[in-house]
Amino acid sequence: MREKLFKFSNLILLLIFILIASFTADNFLTVQNLINVIRQCCILGLLTIGMSFVLICGHMDLSIGSIMTFTGIIAISFSSKMPAVPAILSALFVGILCGLVNGLIVVLTHANSGESLMITFGTQLLFSALSLLYTQGFSLEGSNSSFYNAIGTGSIGRYLPIPVIIYFLLAIILSVIESRTTFGRKMHITGFSTVCSQLSGIQTGLVKLICYGISGLMAGAAAIVLTSRTLGATPTAGTGYEMDAIVAAVLGGVSLSGGVGSIGKAFVGVLTLGILGNAMNLLGFQTFDQNIVKGLVLILAIAFEVWNRKQNMQIRRAKNVNHQENH
């Protein structure tokens, strides 16, 4: 019973937040508001997918917010000079390159999780500076392409926003890669123990490089959705998103220690954080109030993750002892 409670703790937390929001915010359970919640979750959801890949392989990426900003600026800038599709592909390619820069530095320096935190903090400053230099500190007007703008604002029918379709398609594809492929298994093993994975013949450097590349790709995809939704790009658009992505991943059961988590569970974390933010907006919380709540939620989530990991270790040890006694 206790083991099942640990396993579904993220779903239980989501249900608790839904119940609280339902009783405290009058308009929360309306169809339009729930659609808005899901639409608003898409940008954070895309970033959380990338963050989850990096966390599962045992590292950290604080630069995804600034990569999203930079790639969004590239997409908007290029869309005024070329058709929308090449502009989008160019921005995604730049996002992958930025991710690979992070991965290459981490691999070449043989950085651990804490060191990758500081490395990506440094590249965050670098990509932020590039955004400011490119725009000279000014915002860019949105694309003239109706196709580009429909990515963030359009919908199929009345209740199916295009950003939601994009998010779910990418989430399903990358969830299959994470949970059903050889690469996914190698990623989990690498995050669980770099030494064991190397002794098993896994090219850990390549695994980490690909994970950071996926993180950059997801930041680029989030940038396309964000800039098409807001009809423009600003050099500070991605500020703070990296912390929200970490909070969402941890709420979804992705371990900061590496090796544990899934893209499917990370979606639960994204939805939990999205519902929390929406409820606070409906209740009139100010920005600083919301940051206090998010900070407390992150602290509690990390504390529970550490406690949960210790409990799971104790359960495994108890099972091993019982198994040995039976034999």
Protein backbone atom coordinates (compact mmCIF):
# COMPACT_ATOMS: atom_id res chain seq x y z
CA MET A 1 0.00 0.00 0.00
CA ARG A 2 2.76 2.42 0.97
CA GLU A 3 4.69 1.57 -2.19
CA LYS A 4 1.64 2.36 -4.36
CA LEU A 5 1.15 5.64 -2.50
CA PHE A 6 4.71 6.66 -3.37
CA LYS A 7 4.24 5.57 -6.98
CA PHE A 8 1.13 7.69 -7.56
CA SER A 9 2.05 10.60 -5.29
CA ASN A 10 2.32 13.04 -8.22
CA LEU A 11 -1.21 12.16 -9.40
CA ILE A 12 -2.53 12.53 -5.85
CA LEU A 13 -0.94 15.99 -5.61
CA LEU A 14 -2.53 16.97 -8.95
CA LEU A 15 -5.97 15.88 -7.73
CA ILE A 16 -5.50 17.83 -4.49
CA PHE A 17 -4.67 21.00 -6.45
CA ILE A 18 -7.68 20.47 -8.73
CA LEU A 19 -9.99 20.10 -5.73
CA ILE A 20 -8.56 23.18 -4.01
CA ALA A 21 -8.84 25.25 -7.21
CA SER A 22 -12.39 24.03 -7.82
CA PHE A 23 -13.58 25.18 -4.38
CA THR A 24 -11.64 28.46 -4.20
CA ALA A 25 -11.84 29.82 -7.79
CA ASP A 26 -15.36 30.22 -9.18
CA ASN A 27 -14.48 30.08 -12.88
CA PHE A 28 -11.91 27.30 -12.67
CA LEU A 29 -14.06 24.40 -13.89
CA THR A 30 -15.45 26.21 -16.95
CA VAL A 31 -14.61 24.62 -20.31
CA GLN A 32 -12.95 27.77 -21.62
CA ASN A 33 -10.72 28.11 -18.57
CA LEU A 34 -9.62 24.47 -18.70
CA ILE A 35 -8.75 24.88 -22.39
CA ASN A 36 -6.73 27.99 -21.47
CA VAL A 37 -4.89 26.01 -18.78
CA ILE A 38 -3.87 23.33 -21.27
CA ARG A 39 -2.91 25.94 -23.89
CA GLN A 40 -0.80 27.83 -21.35
CA CYS A 41 0.91 24.59 -20.28
CA CYS A 42 2.24 23.90 -23.78
CA ILE A 43 5.27 26.22 -23.66
CA LEU A 44 6.30 25.04 -20.21
CA GLY A 45 5.50 21.46 -21.23
CA LEU A 46 7.89 21.56 -24.20
CA LEU A 47 10.66 22.98 -22.02
CA THR A 48 9.99 20.39 -19.32
CA ILE A 49 10.41 17.55 -21.83
CA GLY A 50 13.89 18.81 -22.66
CA MET A 51 14.71 19.43 -19.01
CA SER A 52 13.54 15.91 -18.11
CA PHE A 53 15.92 14.33 -20.63
CA VAL A 54 18.84 16.23 -19.13
CA LEU A 55 17.81 15.49 -15.53
CA ILE A 56 17.30 11.77 -16.21
CA CYS A 57 20.80 11.49 -17.67
CA GLY A 58 22.13 12.99 -14.43
CA HIS A 59 22.71 16.65 -15.29
CA MET A 60 21.11 20.09 -15.25
CA ASP A 61 20.27 22.77 -17.82
CA LEU A 62 19.70 26.33 -16.62
CA SER A 63 20.04 27.78 -20.11
CA ILE A 64 16.77 26.59 -21.69
CA GLY A 65 15.00 29.89 -20.98
CA SER A 66 17.70 31.93 -22.70
CA ILE A 67 17.89 29.41 -25.57
CA MET A 68 14.14 29.83 -26.04
CA THR A 69 14.58 33.60 -26.10
CA PHE A 70 17.42 33.47 -28.63
CA THR A 71 15.75 30.97 -30.96
CA GLY A 72 12.50 32.94 -30.80
CA ILE A 73 14.34 36.06 -31.92
CA ILE A 74 15.98 34.10 -34.75
CA ALA A 75 12.59 32.72 -35.86
CA ILE A 76 10.87 36.13 -35.89
CA SER A 77 13.83 37.82 -37.56
CA PHE A 78 14.16 35.16 -40.27
CA SER A 79 10.40 35.01 -40.91
CA SER A 80 10.55 38.56 -42.27
CA LYS A 81 13.22 37.52 -44.79
CA MET A 82 12.09 34.06 -45.86
CA PRO A 83 8.99 31.80 -45.83
CA ALA A 84 7.74 30.63 -42.43
CA VAL A 85 8.81 26.97 -42.71
CA PRO A 86 12.54 27.66 -43.43
CA ALA A 87 12.51 30.29 -40.65
CA ILE A 88 11.06 27.75 -38.19
CA LEU A 89 13.54 25.05 -39.22
CA SER A 90 16.42 27.53 -38.89
CA ALA A 91 15.33 28.43 -35.35
CA LEU A 92 15.02 24.75 -34.37
CA PHE A 93 18.48 24.09 -35.81
CA VAL A 94 19.91 26.98 -33.76
CA GLY A 95 18.21 25.55 -30.67
CA ILE A 96 19.83 22.15 -31.26
CA LEU A 97 23.23 23.83 -31.74
CA CYS A 98 22.87 25.74 -28.47
CA GLY A 99 21.96 22.51 -26.68
CA LEU A 100 24.93 20.72 -28.23
CA VAL A 101 27.24 23.52 -27.04
CA ASN A 102 26.06 22.83 -23.49
CA GLY A 103 26.47 19.09 -23.93
CA LEU A 104 29.91 19.39 -25.50
CA ILE A 105 31.24 21.51 -22.62
CA VAL A 106 29.76 19.12 -20.04
CA VAL A 107 31.22 16.06 -21.78
CA LEU A 108 34.67 17.54 -22.44
CA THR A 109 35.04 18.78 -18.86
CA HIS A 110 33.69 15.50 -17.41
CA ALA A 111 31.33 17.62 -15.34
CA ASN A 112 29.07 16.16 -12.68
CA SER A 113 25.53 17.35 -11.95
CA GLY A 114 26.56 20.32 -9.80
CA GLU A 115 29.21 21.40 -12.27
CA SER A 116 26.76 21.18 -15.19
CA LEU A 117 24.49 23.50 -13.19
CA MET A 118 27.19 26.17 -13.18
CA ILE A 119 28.23 25.50 -16.78
CA THR A 120 24.69 26.02 -18.05
CA PHE A 121 24.32 29.08 -15.82
CA GLY A 122 27.31 30.47 -17.72
CA THR A 123 25.83 29.61 -21.13
CA GLN A 124 22.53 31.12 -19.95
CA LEU A 125 24.35 34.44 -19.55
CA LEU A 126 26.00 33.94 -22.95
CA PHE A 127 22.76 33.23 -24.86
CA SER A 128 20.99 36.09 -23.04
CA ALA A 129 23.77 38.44 -24.09
CA LEU A 130 23.49 37.23 -27.71
CA SER A 131 19.76 38.00 -27.66
CA LEU A 132 20.38 41.52 -26.37
CA LEU A 133 23.17 42.11 -28.90
CA TYR A 134 21.04 40.82 -31.79
CA THR A 135 18.08 43.04 -30.93
CA GLN A 136 20.01 45.94 -29.35
CA GLY A 137 17.62 45.54 -26.43
CA PHE A 138 14.46 46.18 -28.48
CA SER A 139 11.47 43.92 -29.06
CA LEU A 140 10.78 42.51 -32.52
CA GLU A 141 7.39 42.71 -34.20
CA GLY A 142 5.57 39.49 -34.99
CA SER A 143 5.64 37.59 -38.25
CA ASN A 144 3.44 38.59 -41.20
CA SER A 145 2.89 34.92 -41.99
CA SER A 146 -0.58 33.65 -41.09
CA PHE A 147 0.85 30.10 -40.99
CA TYR A 148 3.46 31.11 -38.39
CA ASN A 149 0.95 32.99 -36.24
CA ALA A 150 -1.55 30.11 -36.35
CA ILE A 151 0.97 27.87 -34.56
CA GLY A 152 0.44 29.74 -31.30
CA THR A 153 -3.05 31.19 -31.73
CA GLY A 154 -4.93 28.83 -34.06
CA SER A 155 -7.15 25.89 -33.23
CA ILE A 156 -8.83 23.00 -34.98
CA GLY A 157 -12.51 23.32 -34.27
CA ARG A 158 -13.53 25.08 -31.08
CA TYR A 159 -11.75 23.10 -28.42
CA LEU A 160 -8.46 21.86 -29.92
CA PRO A 161 -5.69 24.52 -29.91
CA ILE A 162 -2.81 23.90 -32.32
CA PRO A 163 -0.15 24.37 -29.56
CA VAL A 164 -1.77 21.50 -27.67
CA ILE A 165 -1.52 19.26 -30.75
CA ILE A 166 2.17 20.17 -31.20
CA TYR A 167 2.93 19.52 -27.54
CA PHE A 168 1.17 16.16 -27.41
CA LEU A 169 2.76 14.94 -30.65
CA LEU A 170 6.27 15.81 -29.47
CA ALA A 171 5.54 14.45 -25.97
CA ILE A 172 4.36 11.11 -27.38
CA ILE A 173 7.34 10.78 -29.74
CA LEU A 174 9.91 11.64 -27.07
CA SER A 175 8.11 9.55 -24.44
CA VAL A 176 8.47 6.52 -26.73
CA ILE A 177 12.17 7.33 -27.22
CA GLU A 178 12.65 7.66 -23.44
CA SER A 179 10.73 4.55 -22.39
CA ARG A 180 10.80 2.13 -25.35
CA THR A 181 14.18 2.44 -27.03
CA THR A 182 17.74 1.33 -26.34
CA PHE A 183 18.80 4.97 -26.11
CA GLY A 184 16.19 5.58 -23.40
CA ARG A 185 17.52 2.67 -21.34
CA LYS A 186 21.09 3.92 -21.79
CA MET A 187 19.99 7.39 -20.67
CA HIS A 188 18.45 6.03 -17.46
CA ILE A 189 21.50 3.88 -16.71
CA THR A 190 23.84 6.82 -17.35
CA GLY A 191 21.87 8.98 -14.93
CA PHE A 192 21.73 6.25 -12.30
CA SER A 193 25.48 5.59 -12.37
CA THR A 194 28.00 6.94 -14.86
CA VAL A 195 30.62 4.42 -13.70
CA CYS A 196 28.30 1.41 -14.13
CA SER A 197 27.19 2.64 -17.55
CA GLN A 198 30.77 3.06 -18.71
CA LEU A 199 31.65 -0.45 -17.47
CA SER A 200 28.62 -1.70 -19.42
CA GLY A 201 30.09 -0.25 -22.61
CA ILE A 202 27.68 2.69 -22.90
CA GLN A 203 29.08 5.78 -24.59
CA THR A 204 27.98 8.13 -21.83
CA GLY A 205 29.37 11.21 -23.54
CA LEU A 206 27.23 10.62 -26.62
CA VAL A 207 24.14 9.98 -24.47
CA LYS A 208 24.63 13.26 -22.61
CA LEU A 209 25.28 15.14 -25.84
CA ILE A 210 22.03 13.86 -27.38
CA CYS A 211 20.07 14.73 -24.22
CA TYR A 212 21.33 18.31 -24.30
CA GLY A 213 20.58 18.47 -28.04
CA ILE A 214 16.98 17.38 -27.33
CA SER A 215 16.77 20.04 -24.62
CA GLY A 216 17.85 22.70 -27.14
CA LEU A 217 15.37 21.38 -29.71
CA MET A 218 12.50 21.59 -27.21
CA ALA A 219 13.54 25.13 -26.26
CA GLY A 220 13.40 26.03 -29.96
CA ALA A 221 9.95 24.45 -30.34
CA ALA A 222 8.71 26.35 -27.27
CA ALA A 223 10.11 29.56 -28.78
CA ILE A 224 8.08 29.06 -31.98
CA VAL A 225 4.88 28.57 -29.99
CA LEU A 226 5.62 31.54 -27.69
CA THR A 227 6.54 34.05 -30.40
CA SER A 228 3.62 33.07 -32.61
CA ARG A 229 1.26 33.35 -29.65
CA THR A 230 2.55 36.75 -28.44
CA LEU A 231 3.04 38.04 -32.03
CA GLY A 232 6.58 39.16 -31.34
CA ALA A 233 9.86 38.46 -29.55
CA THR A 234 11.57 40.22 -26.67
CA PRO A 235 15.16 39.71 -25.42
CA THR A 236 13.89 38.73 -21.96
CA ALA A 237 10.94 36.47 -22.93
CA GLY A 238 12.41 33.28 -21.47
CA THR A 239 13.44 34.66 -18.08
CA GLY A 240 12.37 32.33 -15.27
CA TYR A 241 11.15 29.49 -17.47
CA GLU A 242 14.10 27.28 -16.54
CA MET A 243 13.07 27.24 -12.88
CA ASP A 244 9.44 26.50 -13.76
CA ALA A 245 10.63 23.59 -15.91
CA ILE A 246 12.67 22.19 -13.01
CA VAL A 247 9.70 22.55 -10.65
CA ALA A 248 7.38 20.83 -13.14
CA ALA A 249 9.84 17.98 -13.74
CA VAL A 250 10.35 17.39 -10.01
CA LEU A 251 6.58 17.53 -9.37
CA GLY A 252 6.25 14.91 -12.09
CA GLY A 253 8.61 12.54 -10.31
CA VAL A 254 11.83 13.22 -12.24
CA SER A 255 14.73 12.85 -9.81
CA LEU A 256 17.35 15.58 -9.51
CA SER A 257 19.84 12.79 -8.78
CA GLY A 258 19.36 11.27 -12.23
CA GLY A 259 18.20 7.91 -13.53
CA VAL A 260 14.58 8.21 -12.38
CA GLY A 261 11.58 9.73 -14.14
CA SER A 262 9.60 9.67 -17.35
CA ILE A 263 8.15 12.10 -19.89
CA GLY A 264 4.63 10.86 -19.12
CA LYS A 265 4.98 11.65 -15.43
CA ALA A 266 6.60 14.99 -16.24
CA PHE A 267 3.36 15.93 -18.01
CA VAL A 268 1.55 15.47 -14.69
CA GLY A 269 4.01 17.93 -13.14
CA VAL A 270 3.42 20.45 -15.93
CA LEU A 271 -0.34 20.18 -15.47
CA THR A 272 0.01 20.53 -11.70
CA LEU A 273 2.05 23.71 -12.01
CA GLY A 274 -0.27 25.05 -14.73
CA ILE A 275 -3.36 24.51 -12.58
CA LEU A 276 -1.62 26.10 -9.59
CA GLY A 277 -0.68 29.18 -11.66
CA ASN A 278 -4.14 29.46 -13.20
CA ALA A 279 -5.86 29.22 -9.82
CA MET A 280 -3.61 31.91 -8.37
CA ASN A 281 -4.38 34.19 -11.34
CA LEU A 282 -8.14 33.67 -10.84
CA LEU A 283 -7.76 34.44 -7.14
CA GLY A 284 -5.85 37.66 -7.89
CA PHE A 285 -2.40 36.66 -6.62
CA GLN A 286 0.36 39.12 -7.51
CA THR A 287 3.57 37.96 -9.23
CA PHE A 288 5.64 37.99 -6.06
CA ASP A 289 2.92 36.04 -4.23
CA GLN A 290 3.00 33.40 -6.98
CA ASN A 291 6.79 33.17 -6.75
CA ILE A 292 6.53 32.54 -3.00
CA VAL A 293 4.06 29.71 -3.58
CA LYS A 294 6.15 28.21 -6.42
CA GLY A 295 9.27 28.39 -4.26
CA LEU A 296 7.53 26.60 -1.40
CA VAL A 297 6.16 23.97 -3.78
CA LEU A 298 9.67 23.37 -5.21
CA ILE A 299 11.19 23.01 -1.72
CA LEU A 300 8.45 20.58 -0.64
CA ALA A 301 8.72 18.63 -3.91
CA ILE A 302 12.49 18.21 -3.56
CA ALA A 303 12.14 17.28 0.12
CA PHE A 304 9.51 14.67 -0.76
CA GLU A 305 11.64 13.36 -3.65
CA VAL A 306 14.60 12.83 -1.32
CA TRP A 307 12.40 11.22 1.35
CA ASN A 308 10.65 9.07 -1.27
CA ARG A 309 13.99 7.85 -2.64
CA LYS A 310 15.14 6.83 0.85
CA GLN A 311 11.85 5.05 1.50
CA ASN A 312 12.15 3.13 -1.78
CA MET A 313 15.70 2.08 -0.84
CA GLN A 314 14.47 0.82 2.51
CA ILE A 315 11.65 -1.12 0.83
CA ARG A 316 14.12 -2.74 -1.59
CA ARG A 317 16.47 -3.66 1.26
CA ALA A 318 13.60 -5.18 3.22
CA LYS A 319 12.57 -7.24 0.17
CA ASN A 320 16.15 -8.43 -0.32
CA VAL A 321 16.41 -9.45 3.34
CA ASN A 322 13.12 -11.36 3.15
CA HIS A 323 14.22 -13.02 -0.07
CA GLN A 324 17.51 -14.14 1.50
CA GLU A 325 15.74 -15.45 4.62
CA ASN A 326 13.31 -17.47 2.50
CA HIS A 327 16.24 -19.13 0.74
